[in-house]
Amino acid sequence: KNPKIGLANVGAESSKGTEAHKQAYIL
């Protein structure tokens, strides 16, 4: 129920990762 979705990245902060990761985080 209501599955938790996580984005695989090199850190928990929203500023981490490549530009694609940062844009994906926003979406």
PDB file of all heavy atoms in Angstrom:
ATOM      1  N   LYS A   1       0.834  -1.190   0.000  1.00  0.00           N
ATOM      2  CA  LYS A   1       0.000   0.000   0.000  1.00  0.00           C
ATOM      3  C   LYS A   1       0.879   1.254   0.000  1.00  0.00           C
ATOM      4  O   LYS A   1       1.799   1.368   0.804  1.00  0.00           O
ATOM      5  CB  LYS A   1      -0.912   0.011   1.228  1.00  0.00           C
ATOM      6  CG  LYS A   1      -1.968  -1.096   1.221  1.00  0.00           C
ATOM      7  CD  LYS A   1      -2.870  -0.993   2.434  1.00  0.00           C
ATOM      8  CE  LYS A   1      -3.931  -2.092   2.428  1.00  0.00           C
ATOM      9  NZ  LYS A   1      -4.823  -2.018   3.613  1.00  0.00           N
ATOM     10  N   ASN A   2       0.579   2.152  -0.918  1.00  0.00           N
ATOM     11  CA  ASN A   2       1.326   3.409  -1.029  1.00  0.00           C
ATOM     12  C   ASN A   2       2.837   3.162  -1.041  1.00  0.00           C
ATOM     13  O   ASN A   2       3.570   3.619  -0.145  1.00  0.00           O
ATOM     14  CB  ASN A   2       0.969   4.344   0.124  1.00  0.00           C
ATOM     15  CG  ASN A   2       1.325   5.789  -0.149  1.00  0.00           C
ATOM     16  OD1 ASN A   2       1.422   6.209  -1.299  1.00  0.00           O
ATOM     17  ND2 ASN A   2       1.527   6.561   0.903  1.00  0.00           N
ATOM     18  N   PRO A   3       3.355   2.449  -2.052  1.00  0.00           N
ATOM     19  CA  PRO A   3       4.785   2.070  -2.093  1.00  0.00           C
ATOM     20  C   PRO A   3       5.710   3.277  -2.001  1.00  0.00           C
ATOM     21  O   PRO A   3       5.458   4.328  -2.606  1.00  0.00           O
ATOM     22  CB  PRO A   3       4.926   1.387  -3.465  1.00  0.00           C
ATOM     23  CG  PRO A   3       3.542   0.989  -3.849  1.00  0.00           C
ATOM     24  CD  PRO A   3       2.635   2.010  -3.260  1.00  0.00           C
ATOM     25  N   LYS A   4       6.779   3.118  -1.248  1.00  0.00           N
ATOM     26  CA  LYS A   4       7.788   4.170  -1.113  1.00  0.00           C
ATOM     27  C   LYS A   4       8.746   4.102  -2.292  1.00  0.00           C
ATOM     28  O   LYS A   4       9.330   3.052  -2.571  1.00  0.00           O
ATOM     29  CB  LYS A   4       8.542   4.017   0.206  1.00  0.00           C
ATOM     30  CG  LYS A   4       7.696   4.267   1.435  1.00  0.00           C
ATOM     31  CD  LYS A   4       8.519   4.251   2.716  1.00  0.00           C
ATOM     32  CE  LYS A   4       9.036   2.851   3.028  1.00  0.00           C
ATOM     33  NZ  LYS A   4       9.752   2.801   4.327  1.00  0.00           N
ATOM     34  N   ILE A   5       8.935   5.221  -2.960  1.00  0.00           N
ATOM     35  CA  ILE A   5       9.787   5.302  -4.150  1.00  0.00           C
ATOM     36  C   ILE A   5      11.061   6.047  -3.801  1.00  0.00           C
ATOM     37  O   ILE A   5      11.013   7.163  -3.263  1.00  0.00           O
ATOM     38  CB  ILE A   5       9.082   6.043  -5.304  1.00  0.00           C
ATOM     39  CG1 ILE A   5       7.652   5.530  -5.504  1.00  0.00           C
ATOM     40  CG2 ILE A   5       9.909   5.928  -6.584  1.00  0.00           C
ATOM     41  CD1 ILE A   5       7.541   4.096  -5.886  1.00  0.00           C
ATOM     42  N   GLY A   6      12.212   5.445  -4.111  1.00  0.00           N
ATOM     43  CA  GLY A   6      13.492   6.098  -3.877  1.00  0.00           C
ATOM     44  C   GLY A   6      14.296   6.203  -5.163  1.00  0.00           C
ATOM     45  O   GLY A   6      14.228   5.329  -6.028  1.00  0.00           O
ATOM     46  N   LEU A   7      15.036   7.291  -5.296  1.00  0.00           N
ATOM     47  CA  LEU A   7      15.907   7.503  -6.452  1.00  0.00           C
ATOM     48  C   LEU A   7      17.336   7.129  -6.059  1.00  0.00           C
ATOM     49  O   LEU A   7      17.907   7.737  -5.141  1.00  0.00           O
ATOM     50  CB  LEU A   7      15.846   8.966  -6.902  1.00  0.00           C
ATOM     51  CG  LEU A   7      16.756   9.382  -8.069  1.00  0.00           C
ATOM     52  CD1 LEU A   7      16.363   8.653  -9.356  1.00  0.00           C
ATOM     53  CD2 LEU A   7      16.692  10.897  -8.281  1.00  0.00           C
ATOM     54  N   ALA A   8      17.909   6.132  -6.709  1.00  0.00           N
ATOM     55  CA  ALA A   8      19.270   5.706  -6.392  1.00  0.00           C
ATOM     56  C   ALA A   8      20.247   6.830  -6.702  1.00  0.00           C
ATOM     57  O   ALA A   8      20.272   7.353  -7.819  1.00  0.00           O
ATOM     58  CB  ALA A   8      19.635   4.450  -7.182  1.00  0.00           C
ATOM     59  N   ASN A   9      21.066   7.196  -5.702  1.00  0.00           N
ATOM     60  CA  ASN A   9      21.976   8.319  -5.879  1.00  0.00           C
ATOM     61  C   ASN A   9      23.169   8.158  -4.940  1.00  0.00           C
ATOM     62  O   ASN A   9      23.213   7.243  -4.121  1.00  0.00           O
ATOM     63  CB  ASN A   9      21.239   9.636  -5.599  1.00  0.00           C
ATOM     64  CG  ASN A   9      21.812  10.808  -6.364  1.00  0.00           C
ATOM     65  OD1 ASN A   9      22.993  10.817  -6.720  1.00  0.00           O
ATOM     66  ND2 ASN A   9      20.987  11.815  -6.610  1.00  0.00           N
ATOM     67  N   VAL A  10      24.117   9.056  -5.071  1.00  0.00           N
ATOM     68  CA  VAL A  10      25.340   8.975  -4.267  1.00  0.00           C
ATOM     69  C   VAL A  10      25.194   9.663  -2.914  1.00  0.00           C
ATOM     70  O   VAL A  10      26.132   9.675  -2.116  1.00  0.00           O
ATOM     71  CB  VAL A  10      26.542   9.579  -5.025  1.00  0.00           C
ATOM     72  CG1 VAL A  10      26.844   8.756  -6.270  1.00  0.00           C
ATOM     73  CG2 VAL A  10      26.271  11.040  -5.399  1.00  0.00           C
ATOM     74  N   GLY A  11      24.054  10.233  -2.646  1.00  0.00           N
ATOM     75  CA  GLY A  11      23.803  10.886  -1.360  1.00  0.00           C
ATOM     76  C   GLY A  11      22.326  11.154  -1.191  1.00  0.00           C
ATOM     77  O   GLY A  11      21.559  11.144  -2.165  1.00  0.00           O
ATOM     78  N   ALA A  12      21.905  11.391   0.026  1.00  0.00           N
ATOM     79  CA  ALA A  12      20.480  11.589   0.312  1.00  0.00           C
ATOM     80  C   ALA A  12      19.998  12.999  -0.036  1.00  0.00           C
ATOM     81  O   ALA A  12      18.819  13.212  -0.286  1.00  0.00           O
ATOM     82  CB  ALA A  12      20.209  11.309   1.787  1.00  0.00           C
ATOM     83  N   GLU A  13      20.914  13.967  -0.092  1.00  0.00           N
ATOM     84  CA  GLU A  13      20.531  15.354  -0.338  1.00  0.00           C
ATOM     85  C   GLU A  13      20.022  15.538  -1.769  1.00  0.00           C
ATOM     86  O   GLU A  13      20.505  14.910  -2.704  1.00  0.00           O
ATOM     87  CB  GLU A  13      21.706  16.296  -0.092  1.00  0.00           C
ATOM     88  CG  GLU A  13      22.260  16.239   1.329  1.00  0.00           C
ATOM     89  CD  GLU A  13      23.320  15.164   1.512  1.00  0.00           C
ATOM     90  OE1 GLU A  13      23.473  14.317   0.597  1.00  0.00           O
ATOM     91  OE2 GLU A  13      23.967  15.165   2.575  1.00  0.00           O
ATOM     92  N   SER A  14      19.071  16.448  -1.940  1.00  0.00           N
ATOM     93  CA  SER A  14      18.485  16.699  -3.265  1.00  0.00           C
ATOM     94  C   SER A  14      19.492  17.285  -4.250  1.00  0.00           C
ATOM     95  O   SER A  14      19.283  17.236  -5.465  1.00  0.00           O
ATOM     96  CB  SER A  14      17.290  17.643  -3.138  1.00  0.00           C
ATOM     97  OG  SER A  14      17.690  18.886  -2.581  1.00  0.00           O
ATOM     98  N   SER A  15      20.579  17.851  -3.741  1.00  0.00           N
ATOM     99  CA  SER A  15      21.596  18.475  -4.590  1.00  0.00           C
ATOM    100  C   SER A  15      22.628  17.478  -5.105  1.00  0.00           C
ATOM    101  O   SER A  15      23.513  17.846  -5.881  1.00  0.00           O
ATOM    102  CB  SER A  15      22.320  19.578  -3.814  1.00  0.00           C
ATOM    103  OG  SER A  15      22.936  19.038  -2.649  1.00  0.00           O
ATOM    104  N   LYS A  16      22.524  16.223  -4.711  1.00  0.00           N
ATOM    105  CA  LYS A  16      23.522  15.221  -5.087  1.00  0.00           C
ATOM    106  C   LYS A  16      23.261  14.677  -6.498  1.00  0.00           C
ATOM    107  O   LYS A  16      22.163  14.747  -7.026  1.00  0.00           O
ATOM    108  CB  LYS A  16      23.501  14.052  -4.098  1.00  0.00           C
ATOM    109  CG  LYS A  16      23.979  14.404  -2.699  1.00  0.00           C
ATOM    110  CD  LYS A  16      25.487  14.566  -2.660  1.00  0.00           C
ATOM    111  CE  LYS A  16      25.987  14.741  -1.238  1.00  0.00           C
ATOM    112  NZ  LYS A  16      27.442  14.824  -1.153  1.00  0.00           N
ATOM    113  N   GLY A  17      24.330  14.107  -7.094  1.00  0.00           N
ATOM    114  CA  GLY A  17      24.198  13.412  -8.370  1.00  0.00           C
ATOM    115  C   GLY A  17      24.429  14.285  -9.584  1.00  0.00           C
ATOM    116  O   GLY A  17      24.795  15.458  -9.483  1.00  0.00           O
ATOM    117  N   THR A  18      24.183  13.696 -10.751  1.00  0.00           N
ATOM    118  CA  THR A  18      24.340  14.406 -12.011  1.00  0.00           C
ATOM    119  C   THR A  18      23.185  15.382 -12.208  1.00  0.00           C
ATOM    120  O   THR A  18      22.214  15.391 -11.439  1.00  0.00           O
ATOM    121  CB  THR A  18      24.361  13.411 -13.182  1.00  0.00           C
ATOM    122  OG1 THR A  18      23.072  12.762 -13.256  1.00  0.00           O
ATOM    123  CG2 THR A  18      25.439  12.350 -12.993  1.00  0.00           C
ATOM    124  N   GLU A  19      23.271  16.166 -13.257  1.00  0.00           N
ATOM    125  CA  GLU A  19      22.191  17.097 -13.564  1.00  0.00           C
ATOM    126  C   GLU A  19      20.890  16.341 -13.828  1.00  0.00           C
ATOM    127  O   GLU A  19      19.795  16.802 -13.444  1.00  0.00           O
ATOM    128  CB  GLU A  19      22.561  17.954 -14.783  1.00  0.00           C
ATOM    129  CG  GLU A  19      21.607  19.114 -15.029  1.00  0.00           C
ATOM    130  CD  GLU A  19      21.537  20.079 -13.848  1.00  0.00           C
ATOM    131  OE1 GLU A  19      22.562  20.285 -13.155  1.00  0.00           O
ATOM    132  OE2 GLU A  19      20.427  20.618 -13.612  1.00  0.00           O
ATOM    133  N   ALA A  20      21.006  15.169 -14.474  1.00  0.00           N
ATOM    134  CA  ALA A  20      19.814  14.353 -14.741  1.00  0.00           C
ATOM    135  C   ALA A  20      19.169  13.894 -13.432  1.00  0.00           C
ATOM    136  O   ALA A  20      17.937  13.880 -13.300  1.00  0.00           O
ATOM    137  CB  ALA A  20      20.177  13.151 -15.603  1.00  0.00           C
ATOM    138  N   HIS A  21      20.001  13.518 -12.448  1.00  0.00           N
ATOM    139  CA  HIS A  21      19.477  13.104 -11.146  1.00  0.00           C
ATOM    140  C   HIS A  21      18.762  14.268 -10.453  1.00  0.00           C
ATOM    141  O   HIS A  21      17.692  14.092  -9.858  1.00  0.00           O
ATOM    142  CB  HIS A  21      20.613  12.608 -10.247  1.00  0.00           C
ATOM    143  CG  HIS A  21      21.082  11.225 -10.563  1.00  0.00           C
ATOM    144  ND1 HIS A  21      22.090  10.979 -11.451  1.00  0.00           N
ATOM    145  CD2 HIS A  21      20.655  10.018 -10.110  1.00  0.00           C
ATOM    146  CE1 HIS A  21      22.289   9.670 -11.530  1.00  0.00           C
ATOM    147  NE2 HIS A  21      21.429   9.066 -10.733  1.00  0.00           N
ATOM    148  N   LYS A  22      19.341  15.457 -10.519  1.00  0.00           N
ATOM    149  CA  LYS A  22      18.742  16.623  -9.865  1.00  0.00           C
ATOM    150  C   LYS A  22      17.397  16.983 -10.498  1.00  0.00           C
ATOM    151  O   LYS A  22      16.434  17.301  -9.787  1.00  0.00           O
ATOM    152  CB  LYS A  22      19.700  17.811  -9.936  1.00  0.00           C
ATOM    153  CG  LYS A  22      21.005  17.604  -9.176  1.00  0.00           C
ATOM    154  CD  LYS A  22      21.991  18.737  -9.454  1.00  0.00           C
ATOM    155  CE  LYS A  22      23.354  18.443  -8.837  1.00  0.00           C
ATOM    156  NZ  LYS A  22      24.354  19.485  -9.179  1.00  0.00           N
ATOM    157  N   GLN A  23      17.336  16.897 -11.836  1.00  0.00           N
ATOM    158  CA  GLN A  23      16.084  17.193 -12.522  1.00  0.00           C
ATOM    159  C   GLN A  23      15.042  16.108 -12.250  1.00  0.00           C
ATOM    160  O   GLN A  23      13.854  16.399 -12.076  1.00  0.00           O
ATOM    161  CB  GLN A  23      16.331  17.325 -14.035  1.00  0.00           C
ATOM    162  CG  GLN A  23      17.115  18.558 -14.441  1.00  0.00           C
ATOM    163  CD  GLN A  23      16.414  19.848 -14.033  1.00  0.00           C
ATOM    164  OE1 GLN A  23      15.210  19.993 -14.207  1.00  0.00           O
ATOM    165  NE2 GLN A  23      17.178  20.778 -13.466  1.00  0.00           N
ATOM    166  N   ALA A  24      15.509  14.861 -12.198  1.00  0.00           N
ATOM    167  CA  ALA A  24      14.599  13.757 -11.897  1.00  0.00           C
ATOM    168  C   ALA A  24      14.023  13.896 -10.492  1.00  0.00           C
ATOM    169  O   ALA A  24      12.836  13.634 -10.262  1.00  0.00           O
ATOM    170  CB  ALA A  24      15.323  12.415 -12.040  1.00  0.00           C
ATOM    171  N   TYR A  25      14.856  14.317  -9.563  1.00  0.00           N
ATOM    172  CA  TYR A  25      14.407  14.530  -8.180  1.00  0.00           C
ATOM    173  C   TYR A  25      13.239  15.524  -8.149  1.00  0.00           C
ATOM    174  O   TYR A  25      12.235  15.296  -7.470  1.00  0.00           O
ATOM    175  CB  TYR A  25      15.571  15.048  -7.336  1.00  0.00           C
ATOM    176  CG  TYR A  25      15.273  15.139  -5.854  1.00  0.00           C
ATOM    177  CD1 TYR A  25      15.722  14.164  -4.975  1.00  0.00           C
ATOM    178  CD2 TYR A  25      14.551  16.211  -5.328  1.00  0.00           C
ATOM    179  CE1 TYR A  25      15.454  14.237  -3.612  1.00  0.00           C
ATOM    180  CE2 TYR A  25      14.272  16.305  -3.976  1.00  0.00           C
ATOM    181  CZ  TYR A  25      14.729  15.316  -3.118  1.00  0.00           C
ATOM    182  OH  TYR A  25      14.452  15.396  -1.790  1.00  0.00           O
ATOM    183  N   ILE A  26      13.373  16.607  -8.901  1.00  0.00           N
ATOM    184  CA  ILE A  26      12.317  17.630  -8.942  1.00  0.00           C
ATOM    185  C   ILE A  26      11.031  17.048  -9.510  1.00  0.00           C
ATOM    186  O   ILE A  26       9.937  17.244  -8.962  1.00  0.00           O
ATOM    187  CB  ILE A  26      12.779  18.847  -9.768  1.00  0.00           C
ATOM    188  CG1 ILE A  26      13.957  19.546  -9.078  1.00  0.00           C
ATOM    189  CG2 ILE A  26      11.624  19.812  -9.996  1.00  0.00           C
ATOM    190  CD1 ILE A  26      14.612  20.628  -9.914  1.00  0.00           C
ATOM    191  N   LEU A  27      11.134  16.301 -10.626  1.00  0.00           N
ATOM    192  CA  LEU A  27       9.956  15.706 -11.256  1.00  0.00           C
ATOM    193  C   LEU A  27       9.274  14.704 -10.330  1.00  0.00           C
ATOM    194  O   LEU A  27       8.041  14.681 -10.224  1.00  0.00           O
ATOM    195  CB  LEU A  27      10.351  15.014 -12.563  1.00  0.00           C
ATOM    196  CG  LEU A  27      10.822  15.907 -13.715  1.00  0.00           C
ATOM    197  CD1 LEU A  27      11.146  15.058 -14.929  1.00  0.00           C
ATOM    198  CD2 LEU A  27       9.763  16.937 -14.063  1.00  0.00           C
TER     199      LEU A  27
END
